[in-house]
Amino acid sequence: MRGEYLSASADQTREYARRFATGLRPGDVVCLTGNLGAGKTEFMRGISEAFGCDEQLSSPTFSLMNIYEGAMRGRPVELHHFDLYRLESEKELDSAGFDDYLSGPFLSVVEWGERFPSLERRYTRRVQLDIAGESQRKIVIT
């Protein structure tokens, strides 16, 4: 799923995310970008719903990463959810073993990944969320 979409609600943002998630494969690394309040968490919630692990979802803002157990096409899936908002340097990424987490057969979603340009080569998909009005969000998937 690629293209530009306009969401009029959090429910619709999650629906776009569920549809997007059906095309993901183990090893994919998704970069979620957008300002605070743009809908990254709602989009992530939709992805986790697609894999049946939405009840496990919590913001990794204070822990850098959360791991969720789910299923894709009847097979177990491990979904890694990263939030790089609070990190200041690439040295912090290195000391956390971030690159190793992205190298496995997992699905990874990285919020605020654009803060570290050296990671660009690791992303297989990008989702940009922008505020397009009081309750509207523009979602660009590449």
C-alpha atoms as a PDB file:
ATOM      1  CA  MET A   1       0.000   0.000   0.000  1.00  0.00           C
ATOM      2  CA  ARG A   2       1.465   3.303  -1.119  1.00  0.00           C
ATOM      3  CA  GLY A   3       0.019   6.737  -1.715  1.00  0.00           C
ATOM      4  CA  GLU A   4      -1.561   9.724   0.014  1.00  0.00           C
ATOM      5  CA  TYR A   5      -4.626   9.391   2.211  1.00  0.00           C
ATOM      6  CA  LEU A   6      -6.749  11.816   4.195  1.00  0.00           C
ATOM      7  CA  SER A   7      -8.014  10.619   7.553  1.00  0.00           C
ATOM      8  CA  ALA A   8     -10.924  12.349   9.283  1.00  0.00           C
ATOM      9  CA  SER A   9     -10.636  10.464  12.593  1.00  0.00           C
ATOM     10  CA  ALA A  10      -8.455   8.301  14.804  1.00  0.00           C
ATOM     11  CA  ASP A  11     -10.572   5.295  13.762  1.00  0.00           C
ATOM     12  CA  GLN A  12      -9.896   6.002  10.095  1.00  0.00           C
ATOM     13  CA  THR A  13      -6.153   6.419  10.778  1.00  0.00           C
ATOM     14  CA  ARG A  14      -6.137   2.996  12.447  1.00  0.00           C
ATOM     15  CA  GLU A  15      -8.024   1.527   9.475  1.00  0.00           C
ATOM     16  CA  TYR A  16      -5.413   2.838   7.037  1.00  0.00           C
ATOM     17  CA  ALA A  17      -2.733   1.347   9.286  1.00  0.00           C
ATOM     18  CA  ARG A  18      -4.463  -2.066   9.376  1.00  0.00           C
ATOM     19  CA  ARG A  19      -4.625  -2.083   5.573  1.00  0.00           C
ATOM     20  CA  PHE A  20      -0.979  -1.007   5.357  1.00  0.00           C
ATOM     21  CA  ALA A  21       0.059  -3.762   7.787  1.00  0.00           C
ATOM     22  CA  THR A  22      -1.357  -6.517   5.592  1.00  0.00           C
ATOM     23  CA  GLY A  23       1.486  -5.879   3.141  1.00  0.00           C
ATOM     24  CA  LEU A  24       4.276  -6.080   5.704  1.00  0.00           C
ATOM     25  CA  ARG A  25       6.687  -9.006   5.842  1.00  0.00           C
ATOM     26  CA  PRO A  26       9.163 -10.224   8.472  1.00  0.00           C
ATOM     27  CA  GLY A  27      12.296  -8.106   8.196  1.00  0.00           C
ATOM     28  CA  ASP A  28      10.423  -4.934   7.194  1.00  0.00           C
ATOM     29  CA  VAL A  29      11.408  -1.781   9.075  1.00  0.00           C
ATOM     30  CA  VAL A  30       8.846   1.033   8.995  1.00  0.00           C
ATOM     31  CA  CYS A  31       9.784   4.630   9.779  1.00  0.00           C
ATOM     32  CA  LEU A  32       6.838   6.621  11.213  1.00  0.00           C
ATOM     33  CA  THR A  33       7.346  10.378  11.022  1.00  0.00           C
ATOM     34  CA  GLY A  34       5.293  13.412  11.938  1.00  0.00           C
ATOM     35  CA  ASN A  35       5.022  16.159  14.512  1.00  0.00           C
ATOM     36  CA  LEU A  36       3.731  15.561  18.016  1.00  0.00           C
ATOM     37  CA  GLY A  37      -0.001  14.895  17.819  1.00  0.00           C
ATOM     38  CA  ALA A  38       0.057  13.966  14.129  1.00  0.00           C
ATOM     39  CA  GLY A  39      -1.250  10.445  14.719  1.00  0.00           C
ATOM     40  CA  LYS A  40       1.815   8.204  14.909  1.00  0.00           C
ATOM     41  CA  THR A  41       0.506   6.384  17.971  1.00  0.00           C
ATOM     42  CA  GLU A  42      -2.908   5.801  16.362  1.00  0.00           C
ATOM     43  CA  PHE A  43      -1.205   4.484  13.226  1.00  0.00           C
ATOM     44  CA  MET A  44       0.923   2.157  15.368  1.00  0.00           C
ATOM     45  CA  ARG A  45      -2.202   1.034  17.192  1.00  0.00           C
ATOM     46  CA  GLY A  46      -3.744   0.047  13.833  1.00  0.00           C
ATOM     47  CA  ILE A  47      -0.628  -1.950  12.897  1.00  0.00           C
ATOM     48  CA  SER A  48      -0.708  -3.785  16.214  1.00  0.00           C
ATOM     49  CA  GLU A  49      -4.438  -4.526  15.714  1.00  0.00           C
ATOM     50  CA  ALA A  50      -3.651  -6.131  12.351  1.00  0.00           C
ATOM     51  CA  PHE A  51      -1.343  -8.595  14.103  1.00  0.00           C
ATOM     52  CA  GLY A  52      -3.626  -9.224  17.067  1.00  0.00           C
ATOM     53  CA  CYS A  53      -1.324  -7.648  19.607  1.00  0.00           C
ATOM     54  CA  ASP A  54      -3.150  -4.355  20.210  1.00  0.00           C
ATOM     55  CA  GLU A  55      -3.899  -5.161  23.849  1.00  0.00           C
ATOM     56  CA  GLN A  56      -0.153  -5.225  24.496  1.00  0.00           C
ATOM     57  CA  LEU A  57       0.424  -1.760  22.987  1.00  0.00           C
ATOM     58  CA  SER A  58       1.978   0.905  25.168  1.00  0.00           C
ATOM     59  CA  SER A  59       4.102   3.882  24.291  1.00  0.00           C
ATOM     60  CA  PRO A  60       7.813   3.034  24.323  1.00  0.00           C
ATOM     61  CA  THR A  61       8.685   6.713  24.852  1.00  0.00           C
ATOM     62  CA  PHE A  62      10.308   6.046  28.202  1.00  0.00           C
ATOM     63  CA  SER A  63      11.754   2.616  27.425  1.00  0.00           C
ATOM     64  CA  LEU A  64      12.966   3.081  23.806  1.00  0.00           C
ATOM     65  CA  MET A  65      11.427  -0.219  22.679  1.00  0.00           C
ATOM     66  CA  ASN A  66       8.526  -2.560  23.302  1.00  0.00           C
ATOM     67  CA  ILE A  67       8.143  -6.045  21.859  1.00  0.00           C
ATOM     68  CA  TYR A  68       4.697  -7.424  21.047  1.00  0.00           C
ATOM     69  CA  GLU A  69       3.755 -11.000  20.213  1.00  0.00           C
ATOM     70  CA  GLY A  70       1.185 -11.456  17.471  1.00  0.00           C
ATOM     71  CA  ALA A  71       0.372 -13.444  14.345  1.00  0.00           C
ATOM     72  CA  MET A  72       0.527 -12.923  10.593  1.00  0.00           C
ATOM     73  CA  ARG A  73      -1.300 -15.315   8.279  1.00  0.00           C
ATOM     74  CA  GLY A  74      -1.530 -17.838  11.115  1.00  0.00           C
ATOM     75  CA  ARG A  75       2.186 -17.673  11.963  1.00  0.00           C
ATOM     76  CA  PRO A  76       3.724 -16.079  15.071  1.00  0.00           C
ATOM     77  CA  VAL A  77       5.146 -12.588  14.606  1.00  0.00           C
ATOM     78  CA  GLU A  78       7.316 -10.489  16.856  1.00  0.00           C
ATOM     79  CA  LEU A  79       6.622  -6.781  16.399  1.00  0.00           C
ATOM     80  CA  HIS A  80       9.277  -4.342  17.636  1.00  0.00           C
ATOM     81  CA  HIS A  81       8.063  -0.815  18.392  1.00  0.00           C
ATOM     82  CA  PHE A  82      10.740   1.851  18.862  1.00  0.00           C
ATOM     83  CA  ASP A  83      10.397   5.496  19.857  1.00  0.00           C
ATOM     84  CA  LEU A  84      13.582   7.524  19.314  1.00  0.00           C
ATOM     85  CA  TYR A  85      12.130  10.866  20.443  1.00  0.00           C
ATOM     86  CA  ARG A  86      14.162  11.116  23.647  1.00  0.00           C
ATOM     87  CA  LEU A  87      17.486   9.959  22.208  1.00  0.00           C
ATOM     88  CA  GLU A  88      20.109  12.629  21.670  1.00  0.00           C
ATOM     89  CA  SER A  89      22.868  10.863  19.781  1.00  0.00           C
ATOM     90  CA  GLU A  90      23.715   7.937  17.559  1.00  0.00           C
ATOM     91  CA  LYS A  91      26.009   6.744  20.312  1.00  0.00           C
ATOM     92  CA  GLU A  92      22.903   6.054  22.413  1.00  0.00           C
ATOM     93  CA  LEU A  93      21.487   3.995  19.540  1.00  0.00           C
ATOM     94  CA  ASP A  94      24.689   2.005  19.246  1.00  0.00           C
ATOM     95  CA  SER A  95      24.925   1.311  22.981  1.00  0.00           C
ATOM     96  CA  ALA A  96      21.334   0.023  22.962  1.00  0.00           C
ATOM     97  CA  GLY A  97      22.159  -2.423  20.140  1.00  0.00           C
ATOM     98  CA  PHE A  98      19.509  -0.809  17.951  1.00  0.00           C
ATOM     99  CA  ASP A  99      20.997  -2.005  14.652  1.00  0.00           C
ATOM    100  CA  ASP A 100      20.975  -5.609  15.894  1.00  0.00           C
ATOM    101  CA  TYR A 101      17.241  -5.396  16.640  1.00  0.00           C
ATOM    102  CA  LEU A 102      16.583  -4.282  13.062  1.00  0.00           C
ATOM    103  CA  SER A 103      18.570  -7.178  11.598  1.00  0.00           C
ATOM    104  CA  GLY A 104      16.328 -10.030  12.692  1.00  0.00           C
ATOM    105  CA  PRO A 105      13.242 -11.637  11.153  1.00  0.00           C
ATOM    106  CA  PHE A 106      10.952  -9.246  12.993  1.00  0.00           C
ATOM    107  CA  LEU A 107       8.618  -6.471  11.968  1.00  0.00           C
ATOM    108  CA  SER A 108       9.926  -3.183  13.293  1.00  0.00           C
ATOM    109  CA  VAL A 109       8.203   0.179  13.526  1.00  0.00           C
ATOM    110  CA  VAL A 110      10.387   3.167  14.414  1.00  0.00           C
ATOM    111  CA  GLU A 111       8.820   6.427  15.536  1.00  0.00           C
ATOM    112  CA  TRP A 112      10.987   9.546  15.113  1.00  0.00           C
ATOM    113  CA  GLY A 113      13.481   7.563  13.030  1.00  0.00           C
ATOM    114  CA  GLU A 114      14.109  10.585  10.817  1.00  0.00           C
ATOM    115  CA  ARG A 115      16.083  12.136  13.695  1.00  0.00           C
ATOM    116  CA  PHE A 116      19.013   9.873  12.777  1.00  0.00           C
ATOM    117  CA  PRO A 117      19.868  10.119   9.047  1.00  0.00           C
ATOM    118  CA  SER A 118      22.306   7.195   9.261  1.00  0.00           C
ATOM    119  CA  LEU A 119      19.283   4.886   9.691  1.00  0.00           C
ATOM    120  CA  GLU A 120      17.716   5.843   6.348  1.00  0.00           C
ATOM    121  CA  ARG A 121      19.195   2.803   4.613  1.00  0.00           C
ATOM    122  CA  ARG A 122      17.475   0.470   7.094  1.00  0.00           C
ATOM    123  CA  TYR A 123      13.892   1.534   6.379  1.00  0.00           C
ATOM    124  CA  THR A 124      11.892  -0.521   3.909  1.00  0.00           C
ATOM    125  CA  ARG A 125       8.732   1.594   4.292  1.00  0.00           C
ATOM    126  CA  ARG A 126       7.975   5.159   5.348  1.00  0.00           C
ATOM    127  CA  VAL A 127       4.798   6.655   6.727  1.00  0.00           C
ATOM    128  CA  GLN A 128       4.558  10.430   7.125  1.00  0.00           C
ATOM    129  CA  LEU A 129       1.624  11.758   9.154  1.00  0.00           C
ATOM    130  CA  ASP A 130       0.768  15.464   9.045  1.00  0.00           C
ATOM    131  CA  ILE A 131      -1.930  17.516  10.725  1.00  0.00           C
ATOM    132  CA  ALA A 132      -4.245  18.682   7.926  1.00  0.00           C
ATOM    133  CA  GLY A 133      -6.952  20.284  10.057  1.00  0.00           C
ATOM    134  CA  GLU A 134      -8.465  20.102  13.509  1.00  0.00           C
ATOM    135  CA  SER A 135      -9.391  16.422  13.173  1.00  0.00           C
ATOM    136  CA  GLN A 136      -7.836  15.566   9.805  1.00  0.00           C
ATOM    137  CA  ARG A 137      -4.517  13.912   9.110  1.00  0.00           C
ATOM    138  CA  LYS A 138      -2.689  13.484   5.829  1.00  0.00           C
ATOM    139  CA  ILE A 139      -0.948  10.107   5.607  1.00  0.00           C
ATOM    140  CA  VAL A 140       1.752   9.582   2.981  1.00  0.00           C
ATOM    141  CA  ILE A 141       2.994   6.020   2.568  1.00  0.00           C
ATOM    142  CA  THR A 142       6.115   5.303   0.497  1.00  0.00           C
END
